[in-house]
Amino acid sequence: MAAVTSPIAEVEAIVLRAPSADPEDLDGSSETVVVRITDEDGRSGIGEADAPPEAVRELVLMADSHGWSRGLRGMLLGRDPFELGALHDELYEGTIYHGRRGLGIHALSAVDVALHDLAGKQLGRPAYQLLGGARRTQITPYATVYPEAVKGRTIAQMMDRIAQQFQVALALGFGTVKMEVLFYDLVTDRELVECIREGRRLLGDSVAMMLDFGYRWHDWRDALWTLRRVEDCDVFFAEATLQHDDLEGHRKLAERVEMRVCGAEFAATVHECREWLERGRVGVLQPDITHCGGFSEARRIAALTNARSSSRISSTASARGVSRLIGHGIAEGATSGSPVIRLFVCRPAWLSWPTTMPPSRLTAAASRASPATYRSSSIMAMRGITRPLGCTPRFSVTISPKPPRARAPRYAQSASVTNPSAVA
């Protein structure tokens, strides 16, 4: 019989890649890297980094260079995975020479999530209990509608595609939708305003609407001109308005509009997120758990936003489908035609699904990572993978008649959570 706890025996970094990818698109889900940590009794935990997979693999498996430039695998072998906080800090300090931000933190994120998964399996408990327990019993999912890159289409064709995706989202029961308006030079700002107004008309007044501009502007004045002209569209938040690291521009924009301005989508660590709040003055933080440092760092970010009464809604790549850092009771759902979604289709555990998803399919390149590994994960409820909007739905969402909690924004419906680990 396996012991309750067992030291780490092996650390692997597995590169997964779809057979084809479109470099002109903005969907990073054609590839990923999975870190698998196995203990001496054969139990495994998995984590993921949304980053260049070969680069992350090298940072995980590299040999030690010196005390500030060490490989993550070597630092983990023989250690107790339950010492989550101590391990996270030690890994951060041992990679500070080449880490601190960027790829180093992306690799640490995958390792940290895998450690939580393994510790949960050793204790026979889901990962959300290791984070302190569930904070809510319901969340409101929102559908991200991404019509893919322009690729020579006209704006009329782009809007037709968005309209089709809206119909699928509403048919599935989503009461909250994010419209991605990554049109760039295809439209002027004045034409963009009309596209947003058309999006609001298509959704109707009862559906909450969010906008993603894909870092369209370099000058906060241009962004302000547009946001002021869509204030009557009742937009909940504006995401990716300015260039990511223009904190001063975000501050000037956030101080001049009523709608929430988002930031920190690519932020790594609580230190960057603090800068977004103090210097950028954004109303919503959007750290990705596969970028920011894993569960351990996400808890610190959550504590920071709680202390400052700010919202946090995790950004998520379309391969994963549901956010893992939920502070406003909102979770993002994937909608694009993702290659990884088509290859790895697992049944989401965080919603009530009346139908069973088809079996997962793997390519030869992914043969080392069994889909059963994903389904048996103690963090599966934070990894639900959905079908892209616009494809034939293989499931439908069971919508609860219970309204959202009072501190959530105005939404018509709320999805029932059947596994509280989704709201840790």
Protein backbone atom coordinates (compact mmCIF):
# COMPACT_ATOMS: atom_id res chain seq x y z
CA MET A 1 0.00 0.00 0.00
CA ALA A 2 1.36 3.39 -0.98
CA ALA A 3 2.32 5.80 1.79
CA VAL A 4 0.32 8.99 2.25
CA THR A 5 3.31 11.04 1.20
CA SER A 6 6.25 9.99 -0.90
CA PRO A 7 9.34 11.82 -2.22
CA ILE A 8 9.63 12.99 -5.80
CA ALA A 9 11.30 10.38 -8.00
CA GLU A 10 11.09 11.89 -11.48
CA VAL A 11 10.32 15.15 -13.28
CA GLU A 12 9.49 15.18 -17.00
CA ALA A 13 8.76 17.97 -19.45
CA ILE A 14 6.65 16.71 -22.37
CA VAL A 15 6.31 18.81 -25.51
CA LEU A 16 2.92 18.52 -27.25
CA ARG A 17 2.35 20.00 -30.67
CA ALA A 18 -0.45 19.80 -33.20
CA PRO A 19 0.53 18.60 -36.68
CA SER A 20 0.02 22.06 -38.13
CA ALA A 21 -0.08 25.65 -36.90
CA ASP A 22 -0.84 29.00 -38.50
CA PRO A 23 1.88 31.54 -37.68
CA GLU A 24 -0.38 34.35 -38.89
CA ASP A 25 -3.01 33.60 -36.25
CA LEU A 26 -2.96 34.65 -32.59
CA ASP A 27 -4.01 31.29 -31.14
CA GLY A 28 -1.15 29.86 -29.08
CA SER A 29 -2.92 26.58 -28.40
CA SER A 30 -1.29 24.68 -31.26
CA GLU A 31 1.45 23.67 -28.82
CA THR A 32 2.03 23.31 -25.11
CA VAL A 33 4.39 21.72 -22.62
CA VAL A 34 3.23 19.45 -19.80
CA VAL A 35 5.36 18.90 -16.70
CA ARG A 36 4.76 15.56 -15.01
CA ILE A 37 6.12 14.96 -11.51
CA THR A 38 6.07 11.35 -10.24
CA ASP A 39 6.67 10.17 -6.67
CA GLU A 40 8.35 6.95 -5.54
CA ASP A 41 4.98 5.19 -5.33
CA GLY A 42 4.16 5.93 -8.97
CA ARG A 43 1.64 8.73 -8.45
CA SER A 44 1.93 11.63 -10.87
CA GLY A 45 0.93 15.28 -10.88
CA ILE A 46 0.75 17.38 -14.03
CA GLY A 47 1.10 21.06 -14.82
CA GLU A 48 1.20 23.14 -17.98
CA ALA A 49 3.01 26.22 -19.25
CA ASP A 50 1.59 28.37 -22.03
CA ALA A 51 5.01 29.21 -23.45
CA PRO A 52 7.47 27.97 -26.10
CA PRO A 53 7.57 24.30 -25.09
CA GLU A 54 11.17 23.44 -25.98
CA ALA A 55 12.46 26.46 -24.08
CA VAL A 56 10.47 25.53 -20.98
CA ARG A 57 11.63 21.93 -21.24
CA GLU A 58 15.27 23.01 -21.21
CA LEU A 59 14.75 25.21 -18.15
CA VAL A 60 13.12 22.31 -16.32
CA LEU A 61 15.69 19.66 -17.27
CA MET A 62 18.91 21.74 -17.46
CA ALA A 63 21.90 20.88 -15.31
CA ASP A 64 22.90 23.26 -12.55
CA SER A 65 25.23 26.06 -13.58
CA HIS A 66 25.65 27.77 -10.20
CA GLY A 67 23.61 28.54 -7.11
CA TRP A 68 21.42 31.11 -8.87
CA SER A 69 21.07 29.22 -12.14
CA ARG A 70 19.80 25.72 -11.42
CA GLY A 71 17.59 23.24 -13.22
CA LEU A 72 14.15 22.74 -11.69
CA ARG A 73 14.26 18.95 -11.98
CA GLY A 74 17.44 18.63 -9.95
CA MET A 75 16.05 20.82 -7.19
CA LEU A 76 12.90 18.69 -6.93
CA LEU A 77 14.24 15.12 -6.89
CA GLY A 78 13.91 13.53 -3.45
CA ARG A 79 11.79 16.37 -2.07
CA ASP A 80 8.40 16.18 -0.35
CA PRO A 81 5.82 17.65 -2.79
CA PHE A 82 3.55 18.73 0.08
CA GLU A 83 6.00 21.52 1.05
CA LEU A 84 4.41 23.66 -1.63
CA GLY A 85 5.20 27.17 -0.46
CA ALA A 86 8.79 26.37 0.55
CA LEU A 87 9.46 24.60 -2.74
CA HIS A 88 8.03 27.48 -4.76
CA ASP A 89 10.27 30.02 -3.03
CA GLU A 90 13.33 27.78 -3.31
CA LEU A 91 12.75 27.21 -7.03
CA TYR A 92 12.32 30.95 -7.59
CA GLU A 93 15.53 31.77 -5.75
CA GLY A 94 17.46 28.95 -7.45
CA THR A 95 16.56 30.28 -10.91
CA ILE A 96 16.81 34.01 -10.20
CA TYR A 97 19.82 34.40 -12.52
CA HIS A 98 17.84 33.47 -15.62
CA GLY A 99 14.30 33.50 -14.24
CA ARG A 100 12.46 36.13 -12.20
CA ARG A 101 10.11 36.93 -15.10
CA GLY A 102 9.23 35.57 -18.50
CA LEU A 103 10.18 32.00 -19.40
CA GLY A 104 11.67 31.24 -16.00
CA ILE A 105 8.36 31.96 -14.29
CA HIS A 106 6.43 30.13 -17.02
CA ALA A 107 8.45 26.99 -16.29
CA LEU A 108 7.97 27.48 -12.57
CA SER A 109 4.22 27.82 -13.15
CA ALA A 110 3.97 24.37 -14.72
CA VAL A 111 6.03 22.83 -11.94
CA ASP A 112 4.01 24.50 -9.20
CA VAL A 113 0.68 23.31 -10.61
CA ALA A 114 2.08 19.78 -10.98
CA LEU A 115 3.23 19.85 -7.34
CA HIS A 116 -0.25 20.82 -6.18
CA ASP A 117 -1.73 18.05 -8.29
CA LEU A 118 0.67 15.45 -6.88
CA ALA A 119 0.24 16.59 -3.28
CA GLY A 120 -3.54 16.44 -3.70
CA LYS A 121 -3.34 12.89 -5.01
CA GLN A 122 -1.08 11.81 -2.17
CA LEU A 123 -3.54 13.17 0.39
CA GLY A 124 -6.61 12.01 -1.51
CA ARG A 125 -7.92 15.57 -1.74
CA PRO A 126 -8.65 17.92 -4.66
CA ALA A 127 -6.25 20.76 -5.26
CA TYR A 128 -8.74 23.46 -4.25
CA GLN A 129 -8.62 22.21 -0.67
CA LEU A 130 -4.85 22.72 -0.64
CA LEU A 131 -5.58 26.34 -1.56
CA GLY A 132 -7.81 26.82 1.48
CA GLY A 133 -11.17 25.50 0.28
CA ALA A 134 -13.95 26.71 -1.99
CA ARG A 135 -14.98 30.35 -1.65
CA ARG A 136 -18.22 30.15 -3.66
CA THR A 137 -20.66 27.57 -4.98
CA GLN A 138 -21.39 29.21 -8.34
CA ILE A 139 -19.48 30.99 -11.06
CA THR A 140 -20.60 32.79 -14.18
CA PRO A 141 -18.85 31.51 -17.32
CA TYR A 142 -18.32 33.79 -20.26
CA ALA A 143 -17.71 32.77 -23.85
CA THR A 144 -14.76 34.32 -25.66
CA VAL A 145 -15.77 34.85 -29.28
CA TYR A 146 -12.67 34.95 -31.48
CA PRO A 147 -13.29 34.90 -35.25
CA GLU A 148 -9.60 34.14 -35.84
CA ALA A 149 -7.16 36.41 -37.66
CA VAL A 150 -8.36 38.52 -40.58
CA LYS A 151 -6.48 36.55 -43.27
CA GLY A 152 -7.75 38.63 -46.18
CA ARG A 153 -11.40 38.72 -45.11
CA THR A 154 -13.52 41.84 -45.23
CA ILE A 155 -14.99 43.39 -42.11
CA ALA A 156 -18.42 42.20 -43.26
CA GLN A 157 -17.12 38.63 -43.34
CA MET A 158 -15.52 39.03 -39.92
CA MET A 159 -18.76 40.33 -38.43
CA ASP A 160 -20.73 37.51 -40.07
CA ARG A 161 -18.41 35.02 -38.38
CA ILE A 162 -18.84 36.75 -35.03
CA ALA A 163 -22.62 36.69 -35.46
CA GLN A 164 -22.48 32.93 -36.05
CA GLN A 165 -20.37 32.43 -32.94
CA PHE A 166 -22.72 34.62 -30.90
CA GLN A 167 -25.62 32.39 -31.91
CA VAL A 168 -23.78 29.27 -30.75
CA ALA A 169 -22.78 30.89 -27.45
CA LEU A 170 -26.32 32.03 -26.71
CA ALA A 171 -27.75 28.64 -27.72
CA LEU A 172 -25.39 27.01 -25.23
CA GLY A 173 -26.81 29.23 -22.50
CA PHE A 174 -24.03 31.75 -22.00
CA GLY A 175 -25.33 34.98 -20.51
CA THR A 176 -21.94 36.66 -20.77
CA VAL A 177 -19.85 37.04 -23.93
CA LYS A 178 -16.48 38.60 -24.73
CA MET A 179 -16.24 39.97 -28.26
CA GLU A 180 -12.70 39.94 -29.63
CA VAL A 181 -12.34 42.84 -32.06
CA LEU A 182 -8.82 42.14 -33.29
CA PHE A 183 -9.40 43.84 -36.63
CA TYR A 184 -6.36 46.14 -36.55
CA ASP A 185 -5.84 48.01 -39.86
CA LEU A 186 -8.94 46.46 -41.42
CA VAL A 187 -11.05 49.20 -39.80
CA THR A 188 -10.64 52.74 -38.56
CA ASP A 189 -11.50 53.56 -34.97
CA ARG A 190 -14.76 55.10 -36.14
CA GLU A 191 -15.64 51.88 -38.00
CA LEU A 192 -14.63 49.86 -34.94
CA VAL A 193 -17.19 51.76 -32.88
CA GLU A 194 -19.89 50.69 -35.33
CA CYS A 195 -18.72 47.07 -35.12
CA ILE A 196 -19.03 47.15 -31.33
CA ARG A 197 -22.48 48.67 -31.55
CA GLU A 198 -23.48 45.92 -33.98
CA GLY A 199 -22.12 43.36 -31.53
CA ARG A 200 -24.27 44.79 -28.76
CA ARG A 201 -27.30 44.72 -31.05
CA LEU A 202 -26.69 41.06 -31.89
CA LEU A 203 -26.32 40.08 -28.24
CA GLY A 204 -29.27 42.06 -26.98
CA ASP A 205 -29.53 44.03 -23.76
CA SER A 206 -29.80 41.05 -21.40
CA VAL A 207 -26.36 39.58 -22.18
CA ALA A 208 -23.30 41.04 -20.47
CA MET A 209 -20.67 42.16 -22.97
CA MET A 210 -16.89 42.40 -22.70
CA LEU A 211 -14.38 43.59 -25.31
CA ASP A 212 -10.85 42.48 -26.23
CA PHE A 213 -8.95 44.90 -28.48
CA GLY A 214 -5.77 42.84 -28.90
CA TYR A 215 -3.41 45.70 -27.90
CA ARG A 216 -4.71 47.88 -30.72
CA TRP A 217 -3.48 51.30 -29.63
CA HIS A 218 -0.15 52.89 -28.83
CA ASP A 219 -1.65 56.18 -27.62
CA TRP A 220 -4.10 56.22 -24.72
CA ARG A 221 -5.95 59.15 -26.33
CA ASP A 222 -6.95 56.96 -29.29
CA ALA A 223 -8.25 54.29 -26.96
CA LEU A 224 -10.14 56.90 -24.94
CA TRP A 225 -11.80 58.26 -28.09
CA THR A 226 -13.19 54.82 -28.88
CA LEU A 227 -14.22 53.74 -25.37
CA ARG A 228 -16.13 56.96 -24.76
CA ARG A 229 -18.19 56.33 -27.91
CA VAL A 230 -19.29 52.87 -26.77
CA GLU A 231 -20.10 53.73 -23.16
CA ASP A 232 -23.82 53.34 -23.90
CA CYS A 233 -23.18 49.73 -24.99
CA ASP A 234 -22.87 48.72 -21.31
CA VAL A 235 -19.43 47.10 -21.65
CA PHE A 236 -18.28 45.32 -18.49
CA PHE A 237 -14.56 45.56 -19.24
CA ALA A 238 -12.09 46.58 -21.96
CA GLU A 239 -9.20 44.17 -22.37
CA ALA A 240 -5.85 44.65 -24.14
CA THR A 241 -6.44 48.26 -25.11
CA LEU A 242 -2.86 49.60 -25.07
CA GLN A 243 0.55 47.98 -25.43
CA HIS A 244 1.01 45.54 -22.56
CA ASP A 245 3.78 47.32 -20.68
CA ASP A 246 2.46 50.87 -21.09
CA LEU A 247 1.46 51.24 -17.44
CA GLU A 248 1.36 55.03 -17.55
CA GLY A 249 -0.97 54.93 -20.55
CA HIS A 250 -3.24 52.46 -18.79
CA ARG A 251 -3.39 54.75 -15.78
CA LYS A 252 -4.43 57.74 -17.87
CA LEU A 253 -7.05 55.68 -19.69
CA ALA A 254 -8.47 54.03 -16.56
CA GLU A 255 -8.86 57.39 -14.83
CA ARG A 256 -10.96 58.77 -17.69
CA VAL A 257 -13.51 56.03 -18.45
CA GLU A 258 -16.27 54.42 -16.43
CA MET A 259 -15.83 50.87 -17.76
CA ARG A 260 -13.20 48.66 -16.20
CA VAL A 261 -9.81 48.65 -17.93
CA CYS A 262 -7.97 45.32 -17.78
CA GLY A 263 -4.27 44.58 -17.50
CA ALA A 264 -1.55 42.09 -16.55
CA GLU A 265 -2.48 39.36 -19.03
CA PHE A 266 1.19 38.43 -19.47
CA ALA A 267 2.32 39.44 -15.98
CA ALA A 268 4.63 37.15 -14.05
CA THR A 269 4.61 37.15 -10.23
CA VAL A 270 2.76 39.23 -7.70
CA HIS A 271 5.42 41.93 -8.11
CA GLU A 272 4.33 42.75 -11.67
CA CYS A 273 0.67 42.59 -10.69
CA ARG A 274 1.32 45.08 -7.90
CA GLU A 275 2.80 47.46 -10.47
CA TRP A 276 -0.34 47.09 -12.59
CA LEU A 277 -2.47 48.13 -9.62
CA GLU A 278 -0.25 50.90 -8.27
CA ARG A 279 1.06 52.40 -11.52
CA GLY A 280 -1.44 51.17 -14.11
CA ARG A 281 -4.51 51.71 -11.89
CA VAL A 282 -6.39 48.99 -13.80
CA GLY A 283 -9.73 47.75 -12.51
CA VAL A 284 -9.27 44.09 -13.49
CA LEU A 285 -6.14 41.95 -13.28
CA GLN A 286 -5.93 39.08 -15.76
CA PRO A 287 -2.95 36.92 -14.78
CA ASP A 288 -2.68 33.50 -16.37
CA ILE A 289 -1.80 30.76 -13.90
CA THR A 290 0.55 29.23 -16.50
CA HIS A 291 2.40 32.57 -16.74
CA CYS A 292 2.29 34.15 -13.31
CA GLY A 293 3.92 31.44 -11.17
CA GLY A 294 1.31 28.74 -10.64
CA PHE A 295 -1.11 28.28 -7.77
CA SER A 296 1.36 29.52 -5.16
CA GLU A 297 1.84 32.89 -6.85
CA ALA A 298 -1.83 33.11 -7.82
CA ARG A 299 -2.77 32.96 -4.13
CA ARG A 300 -0.47 35.90 -3.45
CA ILE A 301 -2.01 37.84 -6.33
CA ALA A 302 -5.48 37.03 -4.99
CA ALA A 303 -4.52 38.32 -1.56
CA LEU A 304 -3.17 41.49 -3.16
CA THR A 305 -6.37 42.20 -5.07
CA ASN A 306 -8.54 41.38 -2.06
CA ALA A 307 -6.63 43.92 0.00
CA ARG A 308 -7.12 46.55 -2.70
CA SER A 309 -10.73 45.69 -3.59
CA SER A 310 -9.76 45.00 -7.20
CA SER A 311 -11.17 42.35 -9.51
CA ARG A 312 -9.15 39.44 -10.83
CA ILE A 313 -10.22 37.33 -13.76
CA SER A 314 -7.66 34.93 -15.09
CA SER A 315 -6.72 35.10 -18.71
CA THR A 316 -6.55 31.71 -20.34
CA ALA A 317 -5.27 30.28 -23.56
CA SER A 318 -7.87 28.53 -25.65
CA ALA A 319 -6.32 25.14 -24.99
CA ARG A 320 -7.47 25.21 -21.40
CA GLY A 321 -10.90 26.67 -21.69
CA VAL A 322 -11.60 27.85 -18.12
CA SER A 323 -9.85 30.31 -15.87
CA ARG A 324 -8.05 29.19 -12.76
CA LEU A 325 -8.00 32.40 -10.76
CA ILE A 326 -11.56 33.51 -10.16
CA GLY A 327 -12.15 36.52 -7.98
CA HIS A 328 -15.23 38.11 -9.50
CA GLY A 329 -17.14 34.87 -9.97
CA ILE A 330 -16.37 34.91 -13.69
CA ALA A 331 -14.62 32.24 -15.75
CA GLU A 332 -13.47 32.39 -19.36
CA GLY A 333 -14.45 29.73 -21.88
CA ALA A 334 -12.47 28.92 -25.02
CA THR A 335 -14.13 29.49 -28.36
CA SER A 336 -11.56 29.44 -31.16
CA GLY A 337 -10.87 26.56 -33.53
CA SER A 338 -7.90 25.40 -31.47
CA PRO A 339 -5.80 22.48 -32.74
CA VAL A 340 -5.07 21.34 -29.19
CA ILE A 341 -8.77 21.42 -28.36
CA ARG A 342 -9.43 19.12 -31.28
CA LEU A 343 -6.66 16.75 -30.14
CA PHE A 344 -7.34 16.83 -26.40
CA VAL A 345 -11.07 16.88 -25.73
CA CYS A 346 -11.76 16.10 -22.10
CA ARG A 347 -15.08 16.37 -20.34
CA PRO A 348 -15.12 19.53 -18.22
CA ALA A 349 -15.85 18.71 -14.59
CA TRP A 350 -16.86 22.20 -13.51
CA LEU A 351 -20.29 22.40 -15.16
CA SER A 352 -23.29 20.10 -15.35
CA TRP A 353 -23.05 18.39 -18.73
CA PRO A 354 -26.05 16.33 -19.91
CA THR A 355 -23.97 14.48 -22.49
CA THR A 356 -20.64 12.68 -22.40
CA MET A 357 -17.75 14.00 -24.41
CA PRO A 358 -16.17 11.71 -27.01
CA PRO A 359 -12.90 9.96 -26.09
CA SER A 360 -9.73 12.00 -26.24
CA ARG A 361 -7.53 11.60 -29.29
CA LEU A 362 -3.77 11.91 -29.35
CA THR A 363 -1.18 12.19 -32.10
CA ALA A 364 2.08 10.28 -32.09
CA ALA A 365 3.83 13.42 -30.88
CA ALA A 366 1.69 13.34 -27.74
CA SER A 367 1.84 9.60 -27.13
CA ARG A 368 3.71 9.97 -23.85
CA ALA A 369 0.89 11.95 -22.24
CA SER A 370 -2.20 9.81 -21.80
CA PRO A 371 -5.56 11.58 -21.78
CA ALA A 372 -6.33 9.53 -18.68
CA THR A 373 -3.64 11.57 -16.97
CA TYR A 374 -5.74 14.69 -17.51
CA ARG A 375 -9.01 13.09 -16.45
CA SER A 376 -7.54 11.67 -13.25
CA SER A 377 -5.90 14.92 -12.27
CA SER A 378 -6.86 16.47 -8.94
CA ILE A 379 -7.01 19.81 -10.77
CA MET A 380 -9.20 18.60 -13.63
CA ALA A 381 -11.95 20.94 -12.58
CA MET A 382 -9.61 23.82 -13.34
CA ARG A 383 -8.66 22.42 -16.75
CA GLY A 384 -12.02 21.94 -18.50
CA ILE A 385 -11.56 21.96 -22.26
CA THR A 386 -14.50 23.05 -24.37
CA ARG A 387 -15.32 22.72 -28.03
CA PRO A 388 -14.74 25.89 -30.11
CA LEU A 389 -17.77 27.97 -30.94
CA GLY A 390 -18.89 27.65 -34.52
CA CYS A 391 -18.27 23.91 -34.51
CA THR A 392 -21.03 21.37 -34.02
CA PRO A 393 -21.62 21.35 -30.26
CA ARG A 394 -20.96 18.00 -28.60
CA PHE A 395 -22.44 19.12 -25.32
CA SER A 396 -24.82 21.65 -23.87
CA VAL A 397 -24.58 23.65 -20.69
CA THR A 398 -27.04 23.15 -17.87
CA ILE A 399 -28.01 26.63 -16.71
CA SER A 400 -29.08 27.18 -13.14
CA PRO A 401 -32.05 29.47 -12.49
CA LYS A 402 -30.25 30.86 -9.47
CA PRO A 403 -28.97 34.40 -10.19
CA PRO A 404 -25.32 35.37 -9.69
CA ARG A 405 -24.14 36.55 -6.31
CA ALA A 406 -24.69 40.19 -5.50
CA ARG A 407 -21.08 41.22 -5.99
CA ALA A 408 -20.90 39.76 -9.47
CA PRO A 409 -21.85 41.97 -12.43
CA ARG A 410 -25.31 41.92 -13.95
CA TYR A 411 -25.81 38.65 -15.78
CA ALA A 412 -28.94 36.86 -16.87
CA GLN A 413 -27.79 33.35 -15.97
CA SER A 414 -25.26 31.48 -13.92
CA ALA A 415 -23.81 28.04 -14.48
CA SER A 416 -24.05 25.50 -11.67
CA VAL A 417 -20.72 24.28 -10.35
CA THR A 418 -20.78 20.58 -9.58
CA ASN A 419 -17.16 20.46 -8.40
CA PRO A 420 -16.15 23.28 -6.04
CA SER A 421 -12.48 22.97 -7.02
CA ALA A 422 -13.37 25.16 -9.95
CA VAL A 423 -13.80 28.12 -7.64
CA ALA A 424 -10.79 27.83 -5.39
